[in-house]
């Protein structure tokens, strides 16, 4: 009847340890950068592991040709590419913190440690 209590106690202990590491992980993710691109790298978007866009580079050829339609197509694609890579960094960091154990609500808790400069 009480066989599962050991697992619950272990889970609670791990949750406490994870809570202590969240701020550290958020700071690490804030420093890590990924680059998303589109159009053969005609548009590049740099983001951090917290999915915050840091910079956007646009090939001078697009500017010269005033090809705003192309830019409007490539920019969302490059942003989505960067966000996918940032999400992967985030998932890898969470796996390290949890030892591969998935905890419901951990992603929401991590968002509370978003260290943006807003």
C-alpha atoms as a PDB file:
ATOM      1  CA  UNK A   1       0.000   0.000   0.000  1.00  0.00           C
ATOM      2  CA  UNK A   2       2.851   2.435   0.800  1.00  0.00           C
ATOM      3  CA  UNK A   3       5.261   1.281  -1.897  1.00  0.00           C
ATOM      4  CA  UNK A   4       4.767   4.461  -3.940  1.00  0.00           C
ATOM      5  CA  UNK A   5       5.575   6.796  -1.047  1.00  0.00           C
ATOM      6  CA  UNK A   6       9.312   6.384  -1.573  1.00  0.00           C
ATOM      7  CA  UNK A   7       8.935   7.468  -5.179  1.00  0.00           C
ATOM      8  CA  UNK A   8       6.832  10.469  -4.142  1.00  0.00           C
ATOM      9  CA  UNK A   9       9.407  11.505  -1.534  1.00  0.00           C
ATOM     10  CA  UNK A  10      12.156  11.202  -4.137  1.00  0.00           C
ATOM     11  CA  UNK A  11      10.106  13.244  -6.587  1.00  0.00           C
ATOM     12  CA  UNK A  12       9.534  15.994  -4.008  1.00  0.00           C
ATOM     13  CA  UNK A  13      13.231  16.089  -3.133  1.00  0.00           C
ATOM     14  CA  UNK A  14      14.105  16.374  -6.831  1.00  0.00           C
ATOM     15  CA  UNK A  15      11.547  19.164  -7.229  1.00  0.00           C
ATOM     16  CA  UNK A  16      13.246  21.136  -4.453  1.00  0.00           C
ATOM     17  CA  UNK A  17      16.648  20.650  -6.075  1.00  0.00           C
ATOM     18  CA  UNK A  18      15.261  21.655  -9.457  1.00  0.00           C
ATOM     19  CA  UNK A  19      13.733  24.811  -8.012  1.00  0.00           C
ATOM     20  CA  UNK A  20      17.161  25.863  -6.773  1.00  0.00           C
ATOM     21  CA  UNK A  21      18.705  25.375 -10.204  1.00  0.00           C
ATOM     22  CA  UNK A  22      16.032  27.238 -12.208  1.00  0.00           C
ATOM     23  CA  UNK A  23      17.550  30.690 -11.857  1.00  0.00           C
ATOM     24  CA  UNK A  24      20.976  29.375 -12.852  1.00  0.00           C
ATOM     25  CA  UNK A  25      19.526  27.635 -15.910  1.00  0.00           C
ATOM     26  CA  UNK A  26      17.616  30.768 -16.940  1.00  0.00           C
ATOM     27  CA  UNK A  27      20.795  32.833 -16.749  1.00  0.00           C
ATOM     28  CA  UNK A  28      22.674  30.268 -18.840  1.00  0.00           C
ATOM     29  CA  UNK A  29      19.909  30.184 -21.450  1.00  0.00           C
ATOM     30  CA  UNK A  30      19.919  33.970 -21.590  1.00  0.00           C
ATOM     31  CA  UNK A  31      23.625  33.916 -22.526  1.00  0.00           C
ATOM     32  CA  UNK A  32      23.356  31.137 -25.128  1.00  0.00           C
ATOM     33  CA  UNK A  33      22.627  32.180 -28.689  1.00  0.00           C
ATOM     34  CA  UNK A  34      21.189  30.485 -31.752  1.00  0.00           C
ATOM     35  CA  UNK A  35      20.882  31.723 -35.338  1.00  0.00           C
ATOM     36  CA  UNK A  36      17.858  31.065 -37.489  1.00  0.00           C
ATOM     37  CA  UNK A  37      17.967  31.795 -41.190  1.00  0.00           C
ATOM     38  CA  UNK A  38      15.901  31.759 -44.355  1.00  0.00           C
ATOM     39  CA  UNK A  39      16.427  32.297 -48.062  1.00  0.00           C
ATOM     40  CA  UNK A  40      19.904  30.813 -48.142  1.00  0.00           C
ATOM     41  CA  UNK A  41      20.869  32.975 -45.162  1.00  0.00           C
ATOM     42  CA  UNK A  42      19.605  36.159 -46.787  1.00  0.00           C
ATOM     43  CA  UNK A  43      17.844  36.833 -43.487  1.00  0.00           C
ATOM     44  CA  UNK A  44      19.410  35.800 -40.173  1.00  0.00           C
ATOM     45  CA  UNK A  45      17.830  36.117 -36.744  1.00  0.00           C
ATOM     46  CA  UNK A  46      19.856  35.698 -33.564  1.00  0.00           C
ATOM     47  CA  UNK A  47      17.975  34.707 -30.412  1.00  0.00           C
ATOM     48  CA  UNK A  48      18.908  33.485 -26.962  1.00  0.00           C
ATOM     49  CA  UNK A  49      17.834  30.324 -25.171  1.00  0.00           C
ATOM     50  CA  UNK A  50      14.911  32.202 -23.619  1.00  0.00           C
ATOM     51  CA  UNK A  51      13.497  32.795 -27.128  1.00  0.00           C
ATOM     52  CA  UNK A  52      14.278  36.502 -27.077  1.00  0.00           C
ATOM     53  CA  UNK A  53      15.287  37.941 -30.460  1.00  0.00           C
ATOM     54  CA  UNK A  54      18.635  39.690 -30.123  1.00  0.00           C
ATOM     55  CA  UNK A  55      19.334  40.834 -33.667  1.00  0.00           C
ATOM     56  CA  UNK A  56      18.237  40.600 -37.290  1.00  0.00           C
ATOM     57  CA  UNK A  57      20.554  40.673 -40.311  1.00  0.00           C
ATOM     58  CA  UNK A  58      19.216  41.345 -43.801  1.00  0.00           C
ATOM     59  CA  UNK A  59      21.301  40.720 -46.908  1.00  0.00           C
ATOM     60  CA  UNK A  60      22.142  44.035 -48.625  1.00  0.00           C
ATOM     61  CA  UNK A  61      20.802  42.599 -51.896  1.00  0.00           C
ATOM     62  CA  UNK A  62      17.275  42.618 -50.483  1.00  0.00           C
ATOM     63  CA  UNK A  63      17.740  46.221 -49.440  1.00  0.00           C
ATOM     64  CA  UNK A  64      19.197  47.237 -52.835  1.00  0.00           C
ATOM     65  CA  UNK A  65      16.344  45.661 -54.747  1.00  0.00           C
ATOM     66  CA  UNK A  66      13.718  47.017 -52.363  1.00  0.00           C
ATOM     67  CA  UNK A  67      12.298  43.499 -52.332  1.00  0.00           C
ATOM     68  CA  UNK A  68       9.934  43.985 -49.416  1.00  0.00           C
ATOM     69  CA  UNK A  69       7.728  41.063 -50.461  1.00  0.00           C
ATOM     70  CA  UNK A  70      10.687  38.717 -50.181  1.00  0.00           C
ATOM     71  CA  UNK A  71      11.654  40.205 -46.838  1.00  0.00           C
ATOM     72  CA  UNK A  72       8.106  39.752 -45.547  1.00  0.00           C
ATOM     73  CA  UNK A  73       8.304  36.069 -46.493  1.00  0.00           C
ATOM     74  CA  UNK A  74      11.823  35.417 -45.208  1.00  0.00           C
ATOM     75  CA  UNK A  75      11.666  37.261 -41.899  1.00  0.00           C
ATOM     76  CA  UNK A  76       8.963  35.082 -40.264  1.00  0.00           C
ATOM     77  CA  UNK A  77      10.700  31.946 -41.568  1.00  0.00           C
ATOM     78  CA  UNK A  78      14.031  33.035 -40.046  1.00  0.00           C
ATOM     79  CA  UNK A  79      12.354  33.958 -36.750  1.00  0.00           C
ATOM     80  CA  UNK A  80      10.587  30.597 -36.607  1.00  0.00           C
ATOM     81  CA  UNK A  81      13.875  28.826 -37.325  1.00  0.00           C
ATOM     82  CA  UNK A  82      15.580  30.703 -34.473  1.00  0.00           C
ATOM     83  CA  UNK A  83      12.675  30.038 -32.091  1.00  0.00           C
ATOM     84  CA  UNK A  84      12.803  26.316 -32.875  1.00  0.00           C
ATOM     85  CA  UNK A  85      16.517  26.226 -32.104  1.00  0.00           C
ATOM     86  CA  UNK A  86      16.003  28.242 -28.907  1.00  0.00           C
ATOM     87  CA  UNK A  87      13.269  25.840 -27.823  1.00  0.00           C
ATOM     88  CA  UNK A  88      15.655  22.937 -28.384  1.00  0.00           C
ATOM     89  CA  UNK A  89      18.268  24.623 -26.140  1.00  0.00           C
ATOM     90  CA  UNK A  90      15.570  25.102 -23.523  1.00  0.00           C
ATOM     91  CA  UNK A  91      14.472  21.461 -23.712  1.00  0.00           C
ATOM     92  CA  UNK A  92      18.057  20.224 -23.410  1.00  0.00           C
ATOM     93  CA  UNK A  93      18.634  22.444 -20.371  1.00  0.00           C
ATOM     94  CA  UNK A  94      15.469  21.115 -18.735  1.00  0.00           C
ATOM     95  CA  UNK A  95      16.526  17.519 -19.382  1.00  0.00           C
ATOM     96  CA  UNK A  96      19.831  18.221 -17.628  1.00  0.00           C
ATOM     97  CA  UNK A  97      18.087  19.780 -14.637  1.00  0.00           C
ATOM     98  CA  UNK A  98      15.521  16.999 -14.300  1.00  0.00           C
ATOM     99  CA  UNK A  99      17.831  14.152 -15.260  1.00  0.00           C
ATOM    100  CA  UNK A 100      15.503  13.358 -18.157  1.00  0.00           C
ATOM    101  CA  UNK A 101      12.446  13.167 -15.915  1.00  0.00           C
ATOM    102  CA  UNK A 102       9.540  15.190 -17.271  1.00  0.00           C
ATOM    103  CA  UNK A 103       7.740  17.212 -14.639  1.00  0.00           C
ATOM    104  CA  UNK A 104       4.336  18.690 -15.478  1.00  0.00           C
ATOM    105  CA  UNK A 105       4.367  22.465 -15.134  1.00  0.00           C
ATOM    106  CA  UNK A 106       8.165  22.781 -15.216  1.00  0.00           C
ATOM    107  CA  UNK A 107       8.070  24.782 -18.425  1.00  0.00           C
ATOM    108  CA  UNK A 108       5.643  27.288 -16.872  1.00  0.00           C
ATOM    109  CA  UNK A 109       7.797  27.537 -13.761  1.00  0.00           C
ATOM    110  CA  UNK A 110      10.849  28.226 -15.928  1.00  0.00           C
ATOM    111  CA  UNK A 111       9.067  31.155 -17.566  1.00  0.00           C
ATOM    112  CA  UNK A 112       8.856  32.835 -14.155  1.00  0.00           C
ATOM    113  CA  UNK A 113      12.649  32.987 -14.136  1.00  0.00           C
ATOM    114  CA  UNK A 114      12.755  34.830 -17.468  1.00  0.00           C
ATOM    115  CA  UNK A 115      15.573  37.290 -16.892  1.00  0.00           C
ATOM    116  CA  UNK A 116      14.628  39.802 -19.561  1.00  0.00           C
ATOM    117  CA  UNK A 117      15.708  43.385 -19.188  1.00  0.00           C
ATOM    118  CA  UNK A 118      12.135  44.649 -19.655  1.00  0.00           C
END
